[in-house]
Amino acid sequence: MRGVVLSLCAVLMAGAPALAQEAAPEQDVLGTSSSSGSGMGKLLSQGYEIRTAVLNGTRYVVFLQKDQSAYACEFVSLTKSRCGSIN
């Protein structure tokens, strides 16, 4: 299972700059607004666990997982994040 998560992380990191450029500010990959970190906060409250965090340029990307579902959240600023499903 850990290998699957790491593989997904590698694939996402390869395309993360493209995703960051295509998404509008304060919009997540799924198209809903997420301010004050509510996107990641909502996932954490639903039982998702942080698996890893990586630095992507000047921003962090945090990978969360619950059972067979995984999300990646990119911090736009200290209090704003964009999250999207990666599976």
C-alpha atoms as a PDB file:
ATOM      1  CA  MET A   1       0.000   0.000   0.000  1.00  0.00           C
ATOM      2  CA  ARG A   2       2.834   2.397   0.813  1.00  0.00           C
ATOM      3  CA  GLY A   3       4.309   1.762  -2.626  1.00  0.00           C
ATOM      4  CA  VAL A   4       1.010   2.761  -4.252  1.00  0.00           C
ATOM      5  CA  VAL A   5       0.935   6.026  -2.296  1.00  0.00           C
ATOM      6  CA  LEU A   6       4.552   6.801  -3.183  1.00  0.00           C
ATOM      7  CA  SER A   7       3.883   6.049  -6.851  1.00  0.00           C
ATOM      8  CA  LEU A   8       0.885   8.377  -6.811  1.00  0.00           C
ATOM      9  CA  CYS A   9       3.027  11.055  -5.159  1.00  0.00           C
ATOM     10  CA  ALA A  10       5.644  10.780  -7.894  1.00  0.00           C
ATOM     11  CA  VAL A  11       3.042  10.986 -10.660  1.00  0.00           C
ATOM     12  CA  LEU A  12       1.341  13.968  -9.065  1.00  0.00           C
ATOM     13  CA  MET A  13       4.598  15.809  -8.468  1.00  0.00           C
ATOM     14  CA  ALA A  14       5.468  15.451 -12.137  1.00  0.00           C
ATOM     15  CA  GLY A  15       2.236  17.220 -13.098  1.00  0.00           C
ATOM     16  CA  ALA A  16       1.862  19.536 -10.095  1.00  0.00           C
ATOM     17  CA  PRO A  17       3.272  22.652 -11.810  1.00  0.00           C
ATOM     18  CA  ALA A  18       0.781  22.246 -14.653  1.00  0.00           C
ATOM     19  CA  LEU A  19      -2.103  21.840 -12.223  1.00  0.00           C
ATOM     20  CA  ALA A  20      -1.001  24.883 -10.261  1.00  0.00           C
ATOM     21  CA  GLN A  21      -0.889  27.016 -13.407  1.00  0.00           C
ATOM     22  CA  GLU A  22      -4.285  25.881 -14.680  1.00  0.00           C
ATOM     23  CA  ALA A  23      -6.241  26.375 -11.454  1.00  0.00           C
ATOM     24  CA  ALA A  24      -7.565  29.837 -10.669  1.00  0.00           C
ATOM     25  CA  PRO A  25      -6.505  31.483  -7.388  1.00  0.00           C
ATOM     26  CA  GLU A  26      -8.587  30.411  -4.401  1.00  0.00           C
ATOM     27  CA  GLN A  27     -10.096  27.558  -6.418  1.00  0.00           C
ATOM     28  CA  ASP A  28      -9.268  23.952  -5.772  1.00  0.00           C
ATOM     29  CA  VAL A  29      -8.784  21.321  -8.430  1.00  0.00           C
ATOM     30  CA  LEU A  30     -12.365  20.157  -7.873  1.00  0.00           C
ATOM     31  CA  GLY A  31     -13.696  23.677  -8.542  1.00  0.00           C
ATOM     32  CA  THR A  32     -14.911  24.603  -5.074  1.00  0.00           C
ATOM     33  CA  SER A  33     -13.555  27.442  -3.008  1.00  0.00           C
ATOM     34  CA  SER A  34     -11.345  26.533  -0.096  1.00  0.00           C
ATOM     35  CA  SER A  35     -10.219  29.352   2.148  1.00  0.00           C
ATOM     36  CA  SER A  36      -8.655  29.223   5.592  1.00  0.00           C
ATOM     37  CA  GLY A  37      -7.445  25.715   4.855  1.00  0.00           C
ATOM     38  CA  SER A  38     -10.997  24.384   4.964  1.00  0.00           C
ATOM     39  CA  GLY A  39     -10.340  21.988   2.079  1.00  0.00           C
ATOM     40  CA  MET A  40      -7.637  20.142   3.964  1.00  0.00           C
ATOM     41  CA  GLY A  41      -9.406  20.681   7.295  1.00  0.00           C
ATOM     42  CA  LYS A  42     -12.557  19.074   5.929  1.00  0.00           C
ATOM     43  CA  LEU A  43     -10.615  16.057   4.676  1.00  0.00           C
ATOM     44  CA  LEU A  44      -8.883  15.667   8.041  1.00  0.00           C
ATOM     45  CA  SER A  45     -12.235  15.862   9.845  1.00  0.00           C
ATOM     46  CA  GLN A  46     -13.512  13.097   7.545  1.00  0.00           C
ATOM     47  CA  GLY A  47     -10.757  10.796   8.757  1.00  0.00           C
ATOM     48  CA  TYR A  48      -8.111  11.298   6.070  1.00  0.00           C
ATOM     49  CA  GLU A  49      -4.548  10.936   7.342  1.00  0.00           C
ATOM     50  CA  ILE A  50      -1.523  12.924   6.214  1.00  0.00           C
ATOM     51  CA  ARG A  51       0.902  10.499   4.557  1.00  0.00           C
ATOM     52  CA  THR A  52       3.619  12.875   3.379  1.00  0.00           C
ATOM     53  CA  ALA A  53       4.356  16.485   2.490  1.00  0.00           C
ATOM     54  CA  VAL A  54       6.784  17.682  -0.157  1.00  0.00           C
ATOM     55  CA  LEU A  55       8.122  21.069  -1.159  1.00  0.00           C
ATOM     56  CA  ASN A  56       7.148  22.026  -4.715  1.00  0.00           C
ATOM     57  CA  GLY A  57       9.027  25.215  -5.523  1.00  0.00           C
ATOM     58  CA  THR A  58       7.831  27.661  -2.876  1.00  0.00           C
ATOM     59  CA  ARG A  59       4.680  25.719  -1.957  1.00  0.00           C
ATOM     60  CA  TYR A  60       4.013  22.530  -0.045  1.00  0.00           C
ATOM     61  CA  VAL A  61       1.922  19.672  -1.376  1.00  0.00           C
ATOM     62  CA  VAL A  62       0.396  17.443   1.307  1.00  0.00           C
ATOM     63  CA  PHE A  63      -0.840  13.954   0.459  1.00  0.00           C
ATOM     64  CA  LEU A  64      -3.744  12.518   2.449  1.00  0.00           C
ATOM     65  CA  GLN A  65      -5.179   9.009   2.377  1.00  0.00           C
ATOM     66  CA  LYS A  66      -8.172   7.133   3.793  1.00  0.00           C
ATOM     67  CA  ASP A  67      -8.670   3.504   2.798  1.00  0.00           C
ATOM     68  CA  GLN A  68      -8.401   3.416  -1.029  1.00  0.00           C
ATOM     69  CA  SER A  69      -9.043   7.152  -1.508  1.00  0.00           C
ATOM     70  CA  ALA A  70      -6.247   9.742  -1.731  1.00  0.00           C
ATOM     71  CA  TYR A  71      -6.069  13.527  -2.062  1.00  0.00           C
ATOM     72  CA  ALA A  72      -3.312  16.039  -2.708  1.00  0.00           C
ATOM     73  CA  CYS A  73      -3.559  19.516  -1.194  1.00  0.00           C
ATOM     74  CA  GLU A  74      -1.375  22.380  -2.342  1.00  0.00           C
ATOM     75  CA  PHE A  75      -0.910  25.312   0.003  1.00  0.00           C
ATOM     76  CA  VAL A  76      -1.500  28.527  -1.927  1.00  0.00           C
ATOM     77  CA  SER A  77      -0.717  30.562   1.184  1.00  0.00           C
ATOM     78  CA  LEU A  78      -0.379  29.854   4.871  1.00  0.00           C
ATOM     79  CA  THR A  79      -4.167  29.714   5.306  1.00  0.00           C
ATOM     80  CA  LYS A  80      -5.430  28.634   1.867  1.00  0.00           C
ATOM     81  CA  SER A  81      -5.157  25.266   0.171  1.00  0.00           C
ATOM     82  CA  ARG A  82      -6.409  23.568  -2.986  1.00  0.00           C
ATOM     83  CA  CYS A  83      -7.265  19.890  -2.795  1.00  0.00           C
ATOM     84  CA  GLY A  84      -8.066  17.343  -5.445  1.00  0.00           C
ATOM     85  CA  SER A  85      -8.591  13.607  -5.659  1.00  0.00           C
ATOM     86  CA  ILE A  86      -5.668  11.697  -7.148  1.00  0.00           C
ATOM     87  CA  ASN A  87      -7.429   8.403  -7.705  1.00  0.00           C
END
